[in-house]
């Protein structure tokens, strides 16, 4: 391990934060995780984060590995180059937080920050289901819904780093509320959104209690009709949004992380059917829709990818990335 370029990766989400030690080939050598607890003020969360970074750094030194940089994957909106976080929906209170500068000042290492959708796209492009493709859409589909785009073999961030904020698209006139909009794509196709959808569609059963996607999945595994109906509806709205992306971008592959990996055909089956109904046939024929090949590891690997991209990609990149 000492011969590899060591990277400390931070995967900061609305539910949990992971701190990993990895390398340029996407391998994970050490890991700690803690609840993000969005109700905490930012300084308290930052102190906990830094304590775990110090732990990982110290354990790396025990194995003669010296981390050379810090890489961050976090939800937007954000200024990627300056590493400033601007009030992500799943991180209330993170208002104009200069995360890159704070980490550089604290640890004396170069810090690279990337939108989690972009980081996920890079992870699957470098190491997963999108290897060798030139036109890729990645969807996070976790606590929220975000996206990342690889277009013509290049990561596409947009004019003001807002490309891929697909959760903000309004996919229906009415529905659960997320991203500040009733009927937004995130409201139907994120973990929080699917839970709200269950309460909205079956108020007598779930309207007065906290239900989670995990709860619904356990019920669906027992062939519970209501839980399966919620997933089928979420899948149809997922497919409707996929059709929009297909018609606009004509990608080779759409890779979906987190919930698509865990829920599988409960949502992906209806999504593909709806996508075929809505999108141009030629775009449908040209595109695969698959769960993330990195599975549950994708957040950890994605956390390394801002740094990996900054140094030119993996040590032995696929010829498609040269």
C-alpha atoms as a PDB file:
ATOM      1  CA  UNK A   1       0.000   0.000   0.000  1.00  0.00           C
ATOM      2  CA  UNK A   2       2.841   2.392   0.708  1.00  0.00           C
ATOM      3  CA  UNK A   3       3.687   2.376  -2.991  1.00  0.00           C
ATOM      4  CA  UNK A   4       0.211   3.603  -3.990  1.00  0.00           C
ATOM      5  CA  UNK A   5      -0.882   7.225  -3.932  1.00  0.00           C
ATOM      6  CA  UNK A   6      -2.976   7.420  -0.752  1.00  0.00           C
ATOM      7  CA  UNK A   7      -6.096   9.579  -0.664  1.00  0.00           C
ATOM      8  CA  UNK A   8      -8.419  10.400   2.212  1.00  0.00           C
ATOM      9  CA  UNK A   9     -11.945  10.401   0.840  1.00  0.00           C
ATOM     10  CA  UNK A  10     -14.951  12.077   2.455  1.00  0.00           C
ATOM     11  CA  UNK A  11     -18.424  10.952   1.397  1.00  0.00           C
ATOM     12  CA  UNK A  12     -20.698  13.536   3.033  1.00  0.00           C
ATOM     13  CA  UNK A  13     -24.407  12.793   2.784  1.00  0.00           C
ATOM     14  CA  UNK A  14     -27.569  13.845   4.533  1.00  0.00           C
ATOM     15  CA  UNK A  15     -27.830  10.586   6.482  1.00  0.00           C
ATOM     16  CA  UNK A  16     -24.259   9.404   6.998  1.00  0.00           C
ATOM     17  CA  UNK A  17     -20.703  10.513   6.389  1.00  0.00           C
ATOM     18  CA  UNK A  18     -17.902   8.094   5.601  1.00  0.00           C
ATOM     19  CA  UNK A  19     -14.169   8.798   5.857  1.00  0.00           C
ATOM     20  CA  UNK A  20     -12.038   6.365   3.870  1.00  0.00           C
ATOM     21  CA  UNK A  21      -8.420   5.747   3.015  1.00  0.00           C
ATOM     22  CA  UNK A  22      -8.068   4.726  -0.607  1.00  0.00           C
ATOM     23  CA  UNK A  23      -5.811   4.914  -3.621  1.00  0.00           C
ATOM     24  CA  UNK A  24      -5.770   5.981  -7.248  1.00  0.00           C
ATOM     25  CA  UNK A  25      -7.059   2.579  -8.381  1.00  0.00           C
ATOM     26  CA  UNK A  26     -10.245   3.000  -6.349  1.00  0.00           C
ATOM     27  CA  UNK A  27      -9.279   0.482  -3.663  1.00  0.00           C
ATOM     28  CA  UNK A  28     -10.480   1.125  -0.108  1.00  0.00           C
ATOM     29  CA  UNK A  29      -7.981   0.283   2.660  1.00  0.00           C
ATOM     30  CA  UNK A  30      -9.657   1.726   5.749  1.00  0.00           C
ATOM     31  CA  UNK A  31     -13.014   3.253   6.637  1.00  0.00           C
ATOM     32  CA  UNK A  32     -15.013   4.877   9.423  1.00  0.00           C
ATOM     33  CA  UNK A  33     -18.597   6.132   9.328  1.00  0.00           C
ATOM     34  CA  UNK A  34     -20.774   8.345  11.507  1.00  0.00           C
ATOM     35  CA  UNK A  35     -24.314   9.780  11.313  1.00  0.00           C
ATOM     36  CA  UNK A  36     -24.302  13.198   9.663  1.00  0.00           C
ATOM     37  CA  UNK A  37     -27.224  14.319  11.866  1.00  0.00           C
ATOM     38  CA  UNK A  38     -28.283  17.375   9.831  1.00  0.00           C
ATOM     39  CA  UNK A  39     -29.852  18.942  12.938  1.00  0.00           C
ATOM     40  CA  UNK A  40     -26.324  19.608  14.216  1.00  0.00           C
ATOM     41  CA  UNK A  41     -24.875  23.000  13.370  1.00  0.00           C
ATOM     42  CA  UNK A  42     -22.065  22.852  10.830  1.00  0.00           C
ATOM     43  CA  UNK A  43     -19.156  23.541  13.244  1.00  0.00           C
ATOM     44  CA  UNK A  44     -20.110  20.540  15.395  1.00  0.00           C
ATOM     45  CA  UNK A  45     -20.314  18.247  12.364  1.00  0.00           C
ATOM     46  CA  UNK A  46     -17.026  19.588  11.039  1.00  0.00           C
ATOM     47  CA  UNK A  47     -15.260  18.879  14.338  1.00  0.00           C
ATOM     48  CA  UNK A  48     -16.503  15.273  14.327  1.00  0.00           C
ATOM     49  CA  UNK A  49     -15.476  14.908  10.698  1.00  0.00           C
ATOM     50  CA  UNK A  50     -11.966  16.160  11.438  1.00  0.00           C
ATOM     51  CA  UNK A  51     -11.592  13.775  14.374  1.00  0.00           C
ATOM     52  CA  UNK A  52     -12.317  10.840  12.054  1.00  0.00           C
ATOM     53  CA  UNK A  53      -9.931  12.190   9.419  1.00  0.00           C
ATOM     54  CA  UNK A  54      -7.194  12.313  12.072  1.00  0.00           C
ATOM     55  CA  UNK A  55      -8.007   8.712  13.060  1.00  0.00           C
ATOM     56  CA  UNK A  56      -7.733   7.483   9.477  1.00  0.00           C
ATOM     57  CA  UNK A  57      -4.539   9.480   8.942  1.00  0.00           C
ATOM     58  CA  UNK A  58      -2.927   8.046  12.077  1.00  0.00           C
ATOM     59  CA  UNK A  59      -3.863   4.471  11.171  1.00  0.00           C
ATOM     60  CA  UNK A  60      -2.433   4.980   7.687  1.00  0.00           C
ATOM     61  CA  UNK A  61       0.913   6.059   9.139  1.00  0.00           C
ATOM     62  CA  UNK A  62       1.026   2.863  11.180  1.00  0.00           C
ATOM     63  CA  UNK A  63       1.195   1.028   7.839  1.00  0.00           C
ATOM     64  CA  UNK A  64       3.767   3.443   6.388  1.00  0.00           C
ATOM     65  CA  UNK A  65       1.142   5.022   4.155  1.00  0.00           C
ATOM     66  CA  UNK A  66       1.104   8.823   3.948  1.00  0.00           C
ATOM     67  CA  UNK A  67      -2.091  10.400   2.565  1.00  0.00           C
ATOM     68  CA  UNK A  68      -1.177  13.028  -0.015  1.00  0.00           C
ATOM     69  CA  UNK A  69      -4.555  14.691  -0.575  1.00  0.00           C
ATOM     70  CA  UNK A  70      -8.173  14.881   0.570  1.00  0.00           C
ATOM     71  CA  UNK A  71     -11.050  14.234  -1.805  1.00  0.00           C
ATOM     72  CA  UNK A  72     -14.671  15.183  -1.045  1.00  0.00           C
ATOM     73  CA  UNK A  73     -17.974  14.016  -2.519  1.00  0.00           C
ATOM     74  CA  UNK A  74     -20.959  16.097  -1.358  1.00  0.00           C
ATOM     75  CA  UNK A  75     -24.359  17.169  -2.628  1.00  0.00           C
ATOM     76  CA  UNK A  76     -24.866  20.481  -4.362  1.00  0.00           C
ATOM     77  CA  UNK A  77     -25.344  23.239  -5.072  1.00  0.00           C
ATOM     78  CA  UNK A  78     -21.689  24.146  -4.664  1.00  0.00           C
ATOM     79  CA  UNK A  79     -18.811  26.046  -6.213  1.00  0.00           C
ATOM     80  CA  UNK A  80     -16.642  23.091  -7.193  1.00  0.00           C
ATOM     81  CA  UNK A  81     -13.342  24.878  -7.875  1.00  0.00           C
ATOM     82  CA  UNK A  82     -13.440  26.904  -4.645  1.00  0.00           C
ATOM     83  CA  UNK A  83     -15.091  24.095  -2.667  1.00  0.00           C
ATOM     84  CA  UNK A  84     -17.850  26.271  -1.210  1.00  0.00           C
ATOM     85  CA  UNK A  85     -21.071  24.492  -0.195  1.00  0.00           C
ATOM     86  CA  UNK A  86     -24.310  26.439  -0.773  1.00  0.00           C
ATOM     87  CA  UNK A  87     -27.199  25.070   1.299  1.00  0.00           C
ATOM     88  CA  UNK A  88     -27.750  21.526  -0.050  1.00  0.00           C
ATOM     89  CA  UNK A  89     -31.351  20.402   0.617  1.00  0.00           C
ATOM     90  CA  UNK A  90     -30.125  17.440   2.707  1.00  0.00           C
ATOM     91  CA  UNK A  91     -27.621  19.503   4.749  1.00  0.00           C
ATOM     92  CA  UNK A  92     -29.548  22.402   6.307  1.00  0.00           C
ATOM     93  CA  UNK A  93     -27.322  25.050   7.791  1.00  0.00           C
ATOM     94  CA  UNK A  94     -24.417  24.398   5.421  1.00  0.00           C
ATOM     95  CA  UNK A  95     -24.759  27.922   4.039  1.00  0.00           C
ATOM     96  CA  UNK A  96     -21.792  29.212   2.013  1.00  0.00           C
ATOM     97  CA  UNK A  97     -19.435  26.864   3.874  1.00  0.00           C
ATOM     98  CA  UNK A  98     -15.835  27.170   2.533  1.00  0.00           C
ATOM     99  CA  UNK A  99     -15.203  23.459   3.054  1.00  0.00           C
ATOM    100  CA  UNK A 100     -12.123  23.204   0.834  1.00  0.00           C
ATOM    101  CA  UNK A 101     -10.330  26.047   2.618  1.00  0.00           C
ATOM    102  CA  UNK A 102     -11.314  24.790   6.067  1.00  0.00           C
ATOM    103  CA  UNK A 103      -9.930  21.312   5.362  1.00  0.00           C
ATOM    104  CA  UNK A 104      -6.727  22.652   3.777  1.00  0.00           C
ATOM    105  CA  UNK A 105      -6.132  24.907   6.782  1.00  0.00           C
ATOM    106  CA  UNK A 106      -6.783  22.064   9.219  1.00  0.00           C
ATOM    107  CA  UNK A 107      -4.715  19.313   7.570  1.00  0.00           C
ATOM    108  CA  UNK A 108      -2.189  21.048   5.321  1.00  0.00           C
ATOM    109  CA  UNK A 109      -3.074  18.846   2.348  1.00  0.00           C
ATOM    110  CA  UNK A 110      -4.481  19.731  -1.082  1.00  0.00           C
ATOM    111  CA  UNK A 111      -8.260  19.280  -1.099  1.00  0.00           C
ATOM    112  CA  UNK A 112     -10.482  18.522  -4.099  1.00  0.00           C
ATOM    113  CA  UNK A 113     -14.271  18.823  -3.885  1.00  0.00           C
ATOM    114  CA  UNK A 114     -16.810  17.367  -6.289  1.00  0.00           C
ATOM    115  CA  UNK A 115     -20.591  17.186  -6.529  1.00  0.00           C
ATOM    116  CA  UNK A 116     -21.667  13.711  -5.402  1.00  0.00           C
ATOM    117  CA  UNK A 117     -23.471  13.086  -8.683  1.00  0.00           C
ATOM    118  CA  UNK A 118     -20.332  13.931 -10.652  1.00  0.00           C
ATOM    119  CA  UNK A 119     -18.204  11.854  -8.292  1.00  0.00           C
ATOM    120  CA  UNK A 120     -20.522   8.878  -8.720  1.00  0.00           C
ATOM    121  CA  UNK A 121     -20.394   9.260 -12.484  1.00  0.00           C
ATOM    122  CA  UNK A 122     -16.593   9.264 -12.387  1.00  0.00           C
ATOM    123  CA  UNK A 123     -16.524   6.218 -10.091  1.00  0.00           C
ATOM    124  CA  UNK A 124     -18.714   4.133 -12.396  1.00  0.00           C
ATOM    125  CA  UNK A 125     -16.848   5.445 -15.462  1.00  0.00           C
ATOM    126  CA  UNK A 126     -13.417   4.649 -14.061  1.00  0.00           C
ATOM    127  CA  UNK A 127     -14.214   1.412 -12.237  1.00  0.00           C
ATOM    128  CA  UNK A 128     -17.827   0.273 -12.784  1.00  0.00           C
ATOM    129  CA  UNK A 129     -20.721  -0.198 -15.187  1.00  0.00           C
ATOM    130  CA  UNK A 130     -19.800   2.723 -17.487  1.00  0.00           C
ATOM    131  CA  UNK A 131     -16.202   1.743 -18.269  1.00  0.00           C
ATOM    132  CA  UNK A 132     -15.462   2.310 -21.940  1.00  0.00           C
ATOM    133  CA  UNK A 133     -18.537   4.494 -22.578  1.00  0.00           C
ATOM    134  CA  UNK A 134     -18.283   8.065 -23.832  1.00  0.00           C
ATOM    135  CA  UNK A 135     -21.792   9.301 -22.959  1.00  0.00           C
ATOM    136  CA  UNK A 136     -22.927   8.429 -19.437  1.00  0.00           C
ATOM    137  CA  UNK A 137     -25.641   9.568 -17.044  1.00  0.00           C
ATOM    138  CA  UNK A 138     -25.293   8.663 -13.381  1.00  0.00           C
ATOM    139  CA  UNK A 139     -28.105   9.111 -10.836  1.00  0.00           C
ATOM    140  CA  UNK A 140     -27.412   9.088  -7.099  1.00  0.00           C
ATOM    141  CA  UNK A 141     -30.936   8.029  -5.969  1.00  0.00           C
ATOM    142  CA  UNK A 142     -30.171   8.071  -2.259  1.00  0.00           C
ATOM    143  CA  UNK A 143     -31.447  10.448   0.431  1.00  0.00           C
ATOM    144  CA  UNK A 144     -31.890  12.879  -2.464  1.00  0.00           C
ATOM    145  CA  UNK A 145     -31.724  12.559  -6.240  1.00  0.00           C
ATOM    146  CA  UNK A 146     -28.808  14.059  -8.149  1.00  0.00           C
ATOM    147  CA  UNK A 147     -26.989  13.304 -11.350  1.00  0.00           C
ATOM    148  CA  UNK A 148     -23.614  13.350 -13.031  1.00  0.00           C
ATOM    149  CA  UNK A 149     -22.845  13.557 -16.736  1.00  0.00           C
ATOM    150  CA  UNK A 150     -19.963  12.253 -18.807  1.00  0.00           C
ATOM    151  CA  UNK A 151     -20.428  13.691 -22.311  1.00  0.00           C
ATOM    152  CA  UNK A 152     -18.093  12.894 -25.196  1.00  0.00           C
ATOM    153  CA  UNK A 153     -15.638  11.391 -22.723  1.00  0.00           C
ATOM    154  CA  UNK A 154     -15.522  14.443 -20.436  1.00  0.00           C
ATOM    155  CA  UNK A 155     -17.147  15.264 -17.110  1.00  0.00           C
ATOM    156  CA  UNK A 156     -19.731  17.998 -17.761  1.00  0.00           C
ATOM    157  CA  UNK A 157     -20.394  20.424 -14.889  1.00  0.00           C
ATOM    158  CA  UNK A 158     -22.257  23.192 -16.727  1.00  0.00           C
ATOM    159  CA  UNK A 159     -21.736  26.956 -16.704  1.00  0.00           C
ATOM    160  CA  UNK A 160     -22.177  27.390 -12.943  1.00  0.00           C
ATOM    161  CA  UNK A 161     -21.590  23.835 -11.653  1.00  0.00           C
ATOM    162  CA  UNK A 162     -25.333  23.087 -11.713  1.00  0.00           C
ATOM    163  CA  UNK A 163     -25.420  20.426 -14.442  1.00  0.00           C
ATOM    164  CA  UNK A 164     -26.911  17.223 -13.094  1.00  0.00           C
ATOM    165  CA  UNK A 165     -29.273  18.799 -10.539  1.00  0.00           C
ATOM    166  CA  UNK A 166     -32.009  16.608 -12.004  1.00  0.00           C
ATOM    167  CA  UNK A 167     -33.907  16.229  -8.735  1.00  0.00           C
ATOM    168  CA  UNK A 168     -35.182  19.781  -9.204  1.00  0.00           C
ATOM    169  CA  UNK A 169     -37.070  18.923 -12.409  1.00  0.00           C
ATOM    170  CA  UNK A 170     -40.842  18.977 -11.936  1.00  0.00           C
ATOM    171  CA  UNK A 171     -42.087  15.615 -13.171  1.00  0.00           C
ATOM    172  CA  UNK A 172     -45.751  15.990 -12.121  1.00  0.00           C
ATOM    173  CA  UNK A 173     -48.094  18.837 -11.220  1.00  0.00           C
ATOM    174  CA  UNK A 174     -48.901  17.286  -7.851  1.00  0.00           C
ATOM    175  CA  UNK A 175     -47.123  14.913  -5.520  1.00  0.00           C
ATOM    176  CA  UNK A 176     -44.792  14.787  -2.529  1.00  0.00           C
ATOM    177  CA  UNK A 177     -42.608  17.822  -1.847  1.00  0.00           C
ATOM    178  CA  UNK A 178     -38.828  17.770  -2.201  1.00  0.00           C
ATOM    179  CA  UNK A 179     -36.214  20.235  -3.402  1.00  0.00           C
ATOM    180  CA  UNK A 180     -38.758  22.976  -2.703  1.00  0.00           C
ATOM    181  CA  UNK A 181     -41.256  21.648  -5.265  1.00  0.00           C
ATOM    182  CA  UNK A 182     -44.351  19.490  -5.102  1.00  0.00           C
ATOM    183  CA  UNK A 183     -44.003  16.884  -7.823  1.00  0.00           C
ATOM    184  CA  UNK A 184     -40.248  17.280  -8.309  1.00  0.00           C
ATOM    185  CA  UNK A 185     -38.349  14.238  -9.577  1.00  0.00           C
ATOM    186  CA  UNK A 186     -36.579  13.973  -6.225  1.00  0.00           C
ATOM    187  CA  UNK A 187     -39.975  13.905  -4.504  1.00  0.00           C
ATOM    188  CA  UNK A 188     -40.840  10.646  -6.247  1.00  0.00           C
ATOM    189  CA  UNK A 189     -37.444   8.990  -6.676  1.00  0.00           C
ATOM    190  CA  UNK A 190     -35.345   9.583  -3.560  1.00  0.00           C
ATOM    191  CA  UNK A 191     -35.366   7.764  -0.253  1.00  0.00           C
ATOM    192  CA  UNK A 192     -37.117  10.615   1.543  1.00  0.00           C
ATOM    193  CA  UNK A 193     -39.458  11.114  -1.400  1.00  0.00           C
ATOM    194  CA  UNK A 194     -40.561   7.485  -1.609  1.00  0.00           C
ATOM    195  CA  UNK A 195     -41.339   7.521   2.124  1.00  0.00           C
ATOM    196  CA  UNK A 196     -43.490  10.634   1.621  1.00  0.00           C
ATOM    197  CA  UNK A 197     -45.147   9.007  -1.384  1.00  0.00           C
ATOM    198  CA  UNK A 198     -46.144   6.034   0.769  1.00  0.00           C
ATOM    199  CA  UNK A 199     -47.732   8.349   3.339  1.00  0.00           C
ATOM    200  CA  UNK A 200     -49.506  10.294   0.597  1.00  0.00           C
ATOM    201  CA  UNK A 201     -50.926   7.277  -1.207  1.00  0.00           C
ATOM    202  CA  UNK A 202     -51.781   5.238   1.889  1.00  0.00           C
ATOM    203  CA  UNK A 203     -52.512   7.816   4.618  1.00  0.00           C
ATOM    204  CA  UNK A 204     -54.506   5.433   6.782  1.00  0.00           C
ATOM    205  CA  UNK A 205     -51.542   3.093   6.979  1.00  0.00           C
ATOM    206  CA  UNK A 206     -48.503   5.349   6.894  1.00  0.00           C
ATOM    207  CA  UNK A 207     -49.782   8.925   7.161  1.00  0.00           C
ATOM    208  CA  UNK A 208     -49.361   9.173  10.909  1.00  0.00           C
ATOM    209  CA  UNK A 209     -46.031   7.420  11.364  1.00  0.00           C
ATOM    210  CA  UNK A 210     -42.458   7.539  10.164  1.00  0.00           C
ATOM    211  CA  UNK A 211     -41.997   4.958   7.416  1.00  0.00           C
ATOM    212  CA  UNK A 212     -38.674   4.383   5.668  1.00  0.00           C
ATOM    213  CA  UNK A 213     -37.702   2.818   2.372  1.00  0.00           C
ATOM    214  CA  UNK A 214     -36.123   0.008   4.399  1.00  0.00           C
ATOM    215  CA  UNK A 215     -39.514  -0.636   6.038  1.00  0.00           C
ATOM    216  CA  UNK A 216     -41.205  -0.673   2.642  1.00  0.00           C
ATOM    217  CA  UNK A 217     -38.567  -3.008   1.198  1.00  0.00           C
ATOM    218  CA  UNK A 218     -39.065  -5.479   4.043  1.00  0.00           C
ATOM    219  CA  UNK A 219     -42.800  -5.443   3.356  1.00  0.00           C
ATOM    220  CA  UNK A 220     -42.304  -5.748  -0.415  1.00  0.00           C
ATOM    221  CA  UNK A 221     -40.159  -8.833   0.168  1.00  0.00           C
ATOM    222  CA  UNK A 222     -43.261 -10.334   1.809  1.00  0.00           C
ATOM    223  CA  UNK A 223     -45.357  -9.400  -1.274  1.00  0.00           C
ATOM    224  CA  UNK A 224     -47.132  -6.585   0.543  1.00  0.00           C
ATOM    225  CA  UNK A 225     -49.394  -5.053  -2.117  1.00  0.00           C
ATOM    226  CA  UNK A 226     -49.227  -1.475  -0.776  1.00  0.00           C
ATOM    227  CA  UNK A 227     -45.431  -1.418  -0.561  1.00  0.00           C
ATOM    228  CA  UNK A 228     -45.115  -2.898  -4.044  1.00  0.00           C
ATOM    229  CA  UNK A 229     -47.564  -0.283  -5.365  1.00  0.00           C
ATOM    230  CA  UNK A 230     -45.454   2.528  -3.885  1.00  0.00           C
ATOM    231  CA  UNK A 231     -42.288   1.174  -5.519  1.00  0.00           C
ATOM    232  CA  UNK A 232     -44.085   0.665  -8.841  1.00  0.00           C
ATOM    233  CA  UNK A 233     -45.296   4.280  -8.839  1.00  0.00           C
ATOM    234  CA  UNK A 234     -41.833   5.566  -7.925  1.00  0.00           C
ATOM    235  CA  UNK A 235     -40.453   3.411 -10.743  1.00  0.00           C
ATOM    236  CA  UNK A 236     -42.874   4.864 -13.274  1.00  0.00           C
ATOM    237  CA  UNK A 237     -41.855   8.388 -12.339  1.00  0.00           C
ATOM    238  CA  UNK A 238     -38.226   7.328 -12.465  1.00  0.00           C
ATOM    239  CA  UNK A 239     -38.830   6.094 -16.020  1.00  0.00           C
ATOM    240  CA  UNK A 240     -40.560   9.319 -17.004  1.00  0.00           C
ATOM    241  CA  UNK A 241     -37.498  11.297 -15.957  1.00  0.00           C
ATOM    242  CA  UNK A 242     -35.160   8.831 -17.652  1.00  0.00           C
ATOM    243  CA  UNK A 243     -37.058   9.356 -20.895  1.00  0.00           C
ATOM    244  CA  UNK A 244     -36.382  13.094 -20.708  1.00  0.00           C
ATOM    245  CA  UNK A 245     -32.664  12.444 -20.226  1.00  0.00           C
ATOM    246  CA  UNK A 246     -32.634   9.955 -23.106  1.00  0.00           C
ATOM    247  CA  UNK A 247     -34.319  12.355 -25.508  1.00  0.00           C
ATOM    248  CA  UNK A 248     -32.009  15.242 -24.583  1.00  0.00           C
ATOM    249  CA  UNK A 249     -28.654  13.485 -24.116  1.00  0.00           C
ATOM    250  CA  UNK A 250     -28.900  10.167 -26.040  1.00  0.00           C
ATOM    251  CA  UNK A 251     -26.511   8.383 -23.620  1.00  0.00           C
ATOM    252  CA  UNK A 252     -25.021   4.907 -23.983  1.00  0.00           C
ATOM    253  CA  UNK A 253     -25.688   3.994 -20.372  1.00  0.00           C
ATOM    254  CA  UNK A 254     -27.616   5.320 -17.387  1.00  0.00           C
ATOM    255  CA  UNK A 255     -26.209   4.021 -14.106  1.00  0.00           C
ATOM    256  CA  UNK A 256     -28.328   4.383 -10.971  1.00  0.00           C
ATOM    257  CA  UNK A 257     -26.868   4.065  -7.498  1.00  0.00           C
ATOM    258  CA  UNK A 258     -28.048   3.387  -3.955  1.00  0.00           C
ATOM    259  CA  UNK A 259     -31.786   2.626  -4.049  1.00  0.00           C
ATOM    260  CA  UNK A 260     -31.630   1.076  -7.515  1.00  0.00           C
ATOM    261  CA  UNK A 261     -29.060  -1.381  -6.179  1.00  0.00           C
ATOM    262  CA  UNK A 262     -31.149  -2.214  -3.111  1.00  0.00           C
ATOM    263  CA  UNK A 263     -34.622  -2.216  -4.664  1.00  0.00           C
ATOM    264  CA  UNK A 264     -33.709  -3.667  -8.054  1.00  0.00           C
ATOM    265  CA  UNK A 265     -36.578  -4.622 -10.335  1.00  0.00           C
ATOM    266  CA  UNK A 266     -39.248  -3.329  -7.936  1.00  0.00           C
ATOM    267  CA  UNK A 267     -38.384   0.124  -9.310  1.00  0.00           C
ATOM    268  CA  UNK A 268     -36.214  -0.597 -12.361  1.00  0.00           C
ATOM    269  CA  UNK A 269     -38.797  -2.818 -14.074  1.00  0.00           C
ATOM    270  CA  UNK A 270     -41.553  -0.148 -14.090  1.00  0.00           C
ATOM    271  CA  UNK A 271     -38.926   2.501 -14.886  1.00  0.00           C
ATOM    272  CA  UNK A 272     -37.750   0.736 -18.036  1.00  0.00           C
ATOM    273  CA  UNK A 273     -41.355   0.172 -19.189  1.00  0.00           C
ATOM    274  CA  UNK A 274     -42.249   3.838 -18.724  1.00  0.00           C
ATOM    275  CA  UNK A 275     -39.024   4.951 -20.379  1.00  0.00           C
ATOM    276  CA  UNK A 276     -39.779   2.805 -23.434  1.00  0.00           C
ATOM    277  CA  UNK A 277     -43.248   4.353 -23.682  1.00  0.00           C
ATOM    278  CA  UNK A 278     -42.008   7.928 -23.364  1.00  0.00           C
ATOM    279  CA  UNK A 279     -38.615   8.160 -25.095  1.00  0.00           C
ATOM    280  CA  UNK A 280     -37.622   8.026 -28.736  1.00  0.00           C
ATOM    281  CA  UNK A 281     -37.187   4.379 -29.809  1.00  0.00           C
ATOM    282  CA  UNK A 282     -33.711   5.002 -31.198  1.00  0.00           C
ATOM    283  CA  UNK A 283     -32.561   6.536 -27.921  1.00  0.00           C
ATOM    284  CA  UNK A 284     -34.023   3.629 -25.946  1.00  0.00           C
ATOM    285  CA  UNK A 285     -32.312   1.047 -28.155  1.00  0.00           C
ATOM    286  CA  UNK A 286     -28.937   2.762 -27.736  1.00  0.00           C
ATOM    287  CA  UNK A 287     -29.019   2.943 -23.937  1.00  0.00           C
ATOM    288  CA  UNK A 288     -28.601   0.489 -21.065  1.00  0.00           C
ATOM    289  CA  UNK A 289     -30.209   1.303 -17.697  1.00  0.00           C
ATOM    290  CA  UNK A 290     -28.371  -0.541 -14.942  1.00  0.00           C
ATOM    291  CA  UNK A 291     -27.765  -0.391 -11.186  1.00  0.00           C
ATOM    292  CA  UNK A 292     -24.328   0.774 -10.120  1.00  0.00           C
ATOM    293  CA  UNK A 293     -21.786  -2.020 -10.562  1.00  0.00           C
ATOM    294  CA  UNK A 294     -19.909  -0.757  -7.504  1.00  0.00           C
ATOM    295  CA  UNK A 295     -23.016  -1.494  -5.445  1.00  0.00           C
ATOM    296  CA  UNK A 296     -22.840  -0.422  -1.834  1.00  0.00           C
ATOM    297  CA  UNK A 297     -19.183   0.587  -2.301  1.00  0.00           C
ATOM    298  CA  UNK A 298     -19.986   3.395  -4.703  1.00  0.00           C
ATOM    299  CA  UNK A 299     -20.058   6.177  -2.094  1.00  0.00           C
ATOM    300  CA  UNK A 300     -16.636   5.180  -0.788  1.00  0.00           C
ATOM    301  CA  UNK A 301     -15.084   4.925  -4.254  1.00  0.00           C
ATOM    302  CA  UNK A 302     -16.785   8.130  -5.421  1.00  0.00           C
ATOM    303  CA  UNK A 303     -15.319  10.000  -2.465  1.00  0.00           C
ATOM    304  CA  UNK A 304     -11.841   9.420  -3.961  1.00  0.00           C
ATOM    305  CA  UNK A 305     -12.726  10.537  -7.473  1.00  0.00           C
ATOM    306  CA  UNK A 306     -12.322  14.310  -7.176  1.00  0.00           C
ATOM    307  CA  UNK A 307      -8.642  13.699  -6.399  1.00  0.00           C
ATOM    308  CA  UNK A 308      -8.297  10.871  -8.934  1.00  0.00           C
ATOM    309  CA  UNK A 309      -9.668  13.133 -11.675  1.00  0.00           C
ATOM    310  CA  UNK A 310      -7.365  15.982 -10.579  1.00  0.00           C
ATOM    311  CA  UNK A 311      -4.284  13.803 -11.129  1.00  0.00           C
ATOM    312  CA  UNK A 312      -5.461  12.532 -14.510  1.00  0.00           C
ATOM    313  CA  UNK A 313      -7.517   9.451 -13.683  1.00  0.00           C
ATOM    314  CA  UNK A 314      -6.590   5.982 -12.444  1.00  0.00           C
ATOM    315  CA  UNK A 315      -2.940   4.908 -12.635  1.00  0.00           C
ATOM    316  CA  UNK A 316      -3.657   2.597 -15.566  1.00  0.00           C
ATOM    317  CA  UNK A 317      -6.652   4.215 -17.255  1.00  0.00           C
ATOM    318  CA  UNK A 318      -8.808   2.456 -19.770  1.00  0.00           C
ATOM    319  CA  UNK A 319      -7.858   3.447 -23.322  1.00  0.00           C
ATOM    320  CA  UNK A 320     -11.297   5.029 -23.642  1.00  0.00           C
ATOM    321  CA  UNK A 321     -10.247   7.613 -21.059  1.00  0.00           C
ATOM    322  CA  UNK A 322      -6.955   8.605 -22.630  1.00  0.00           C
END
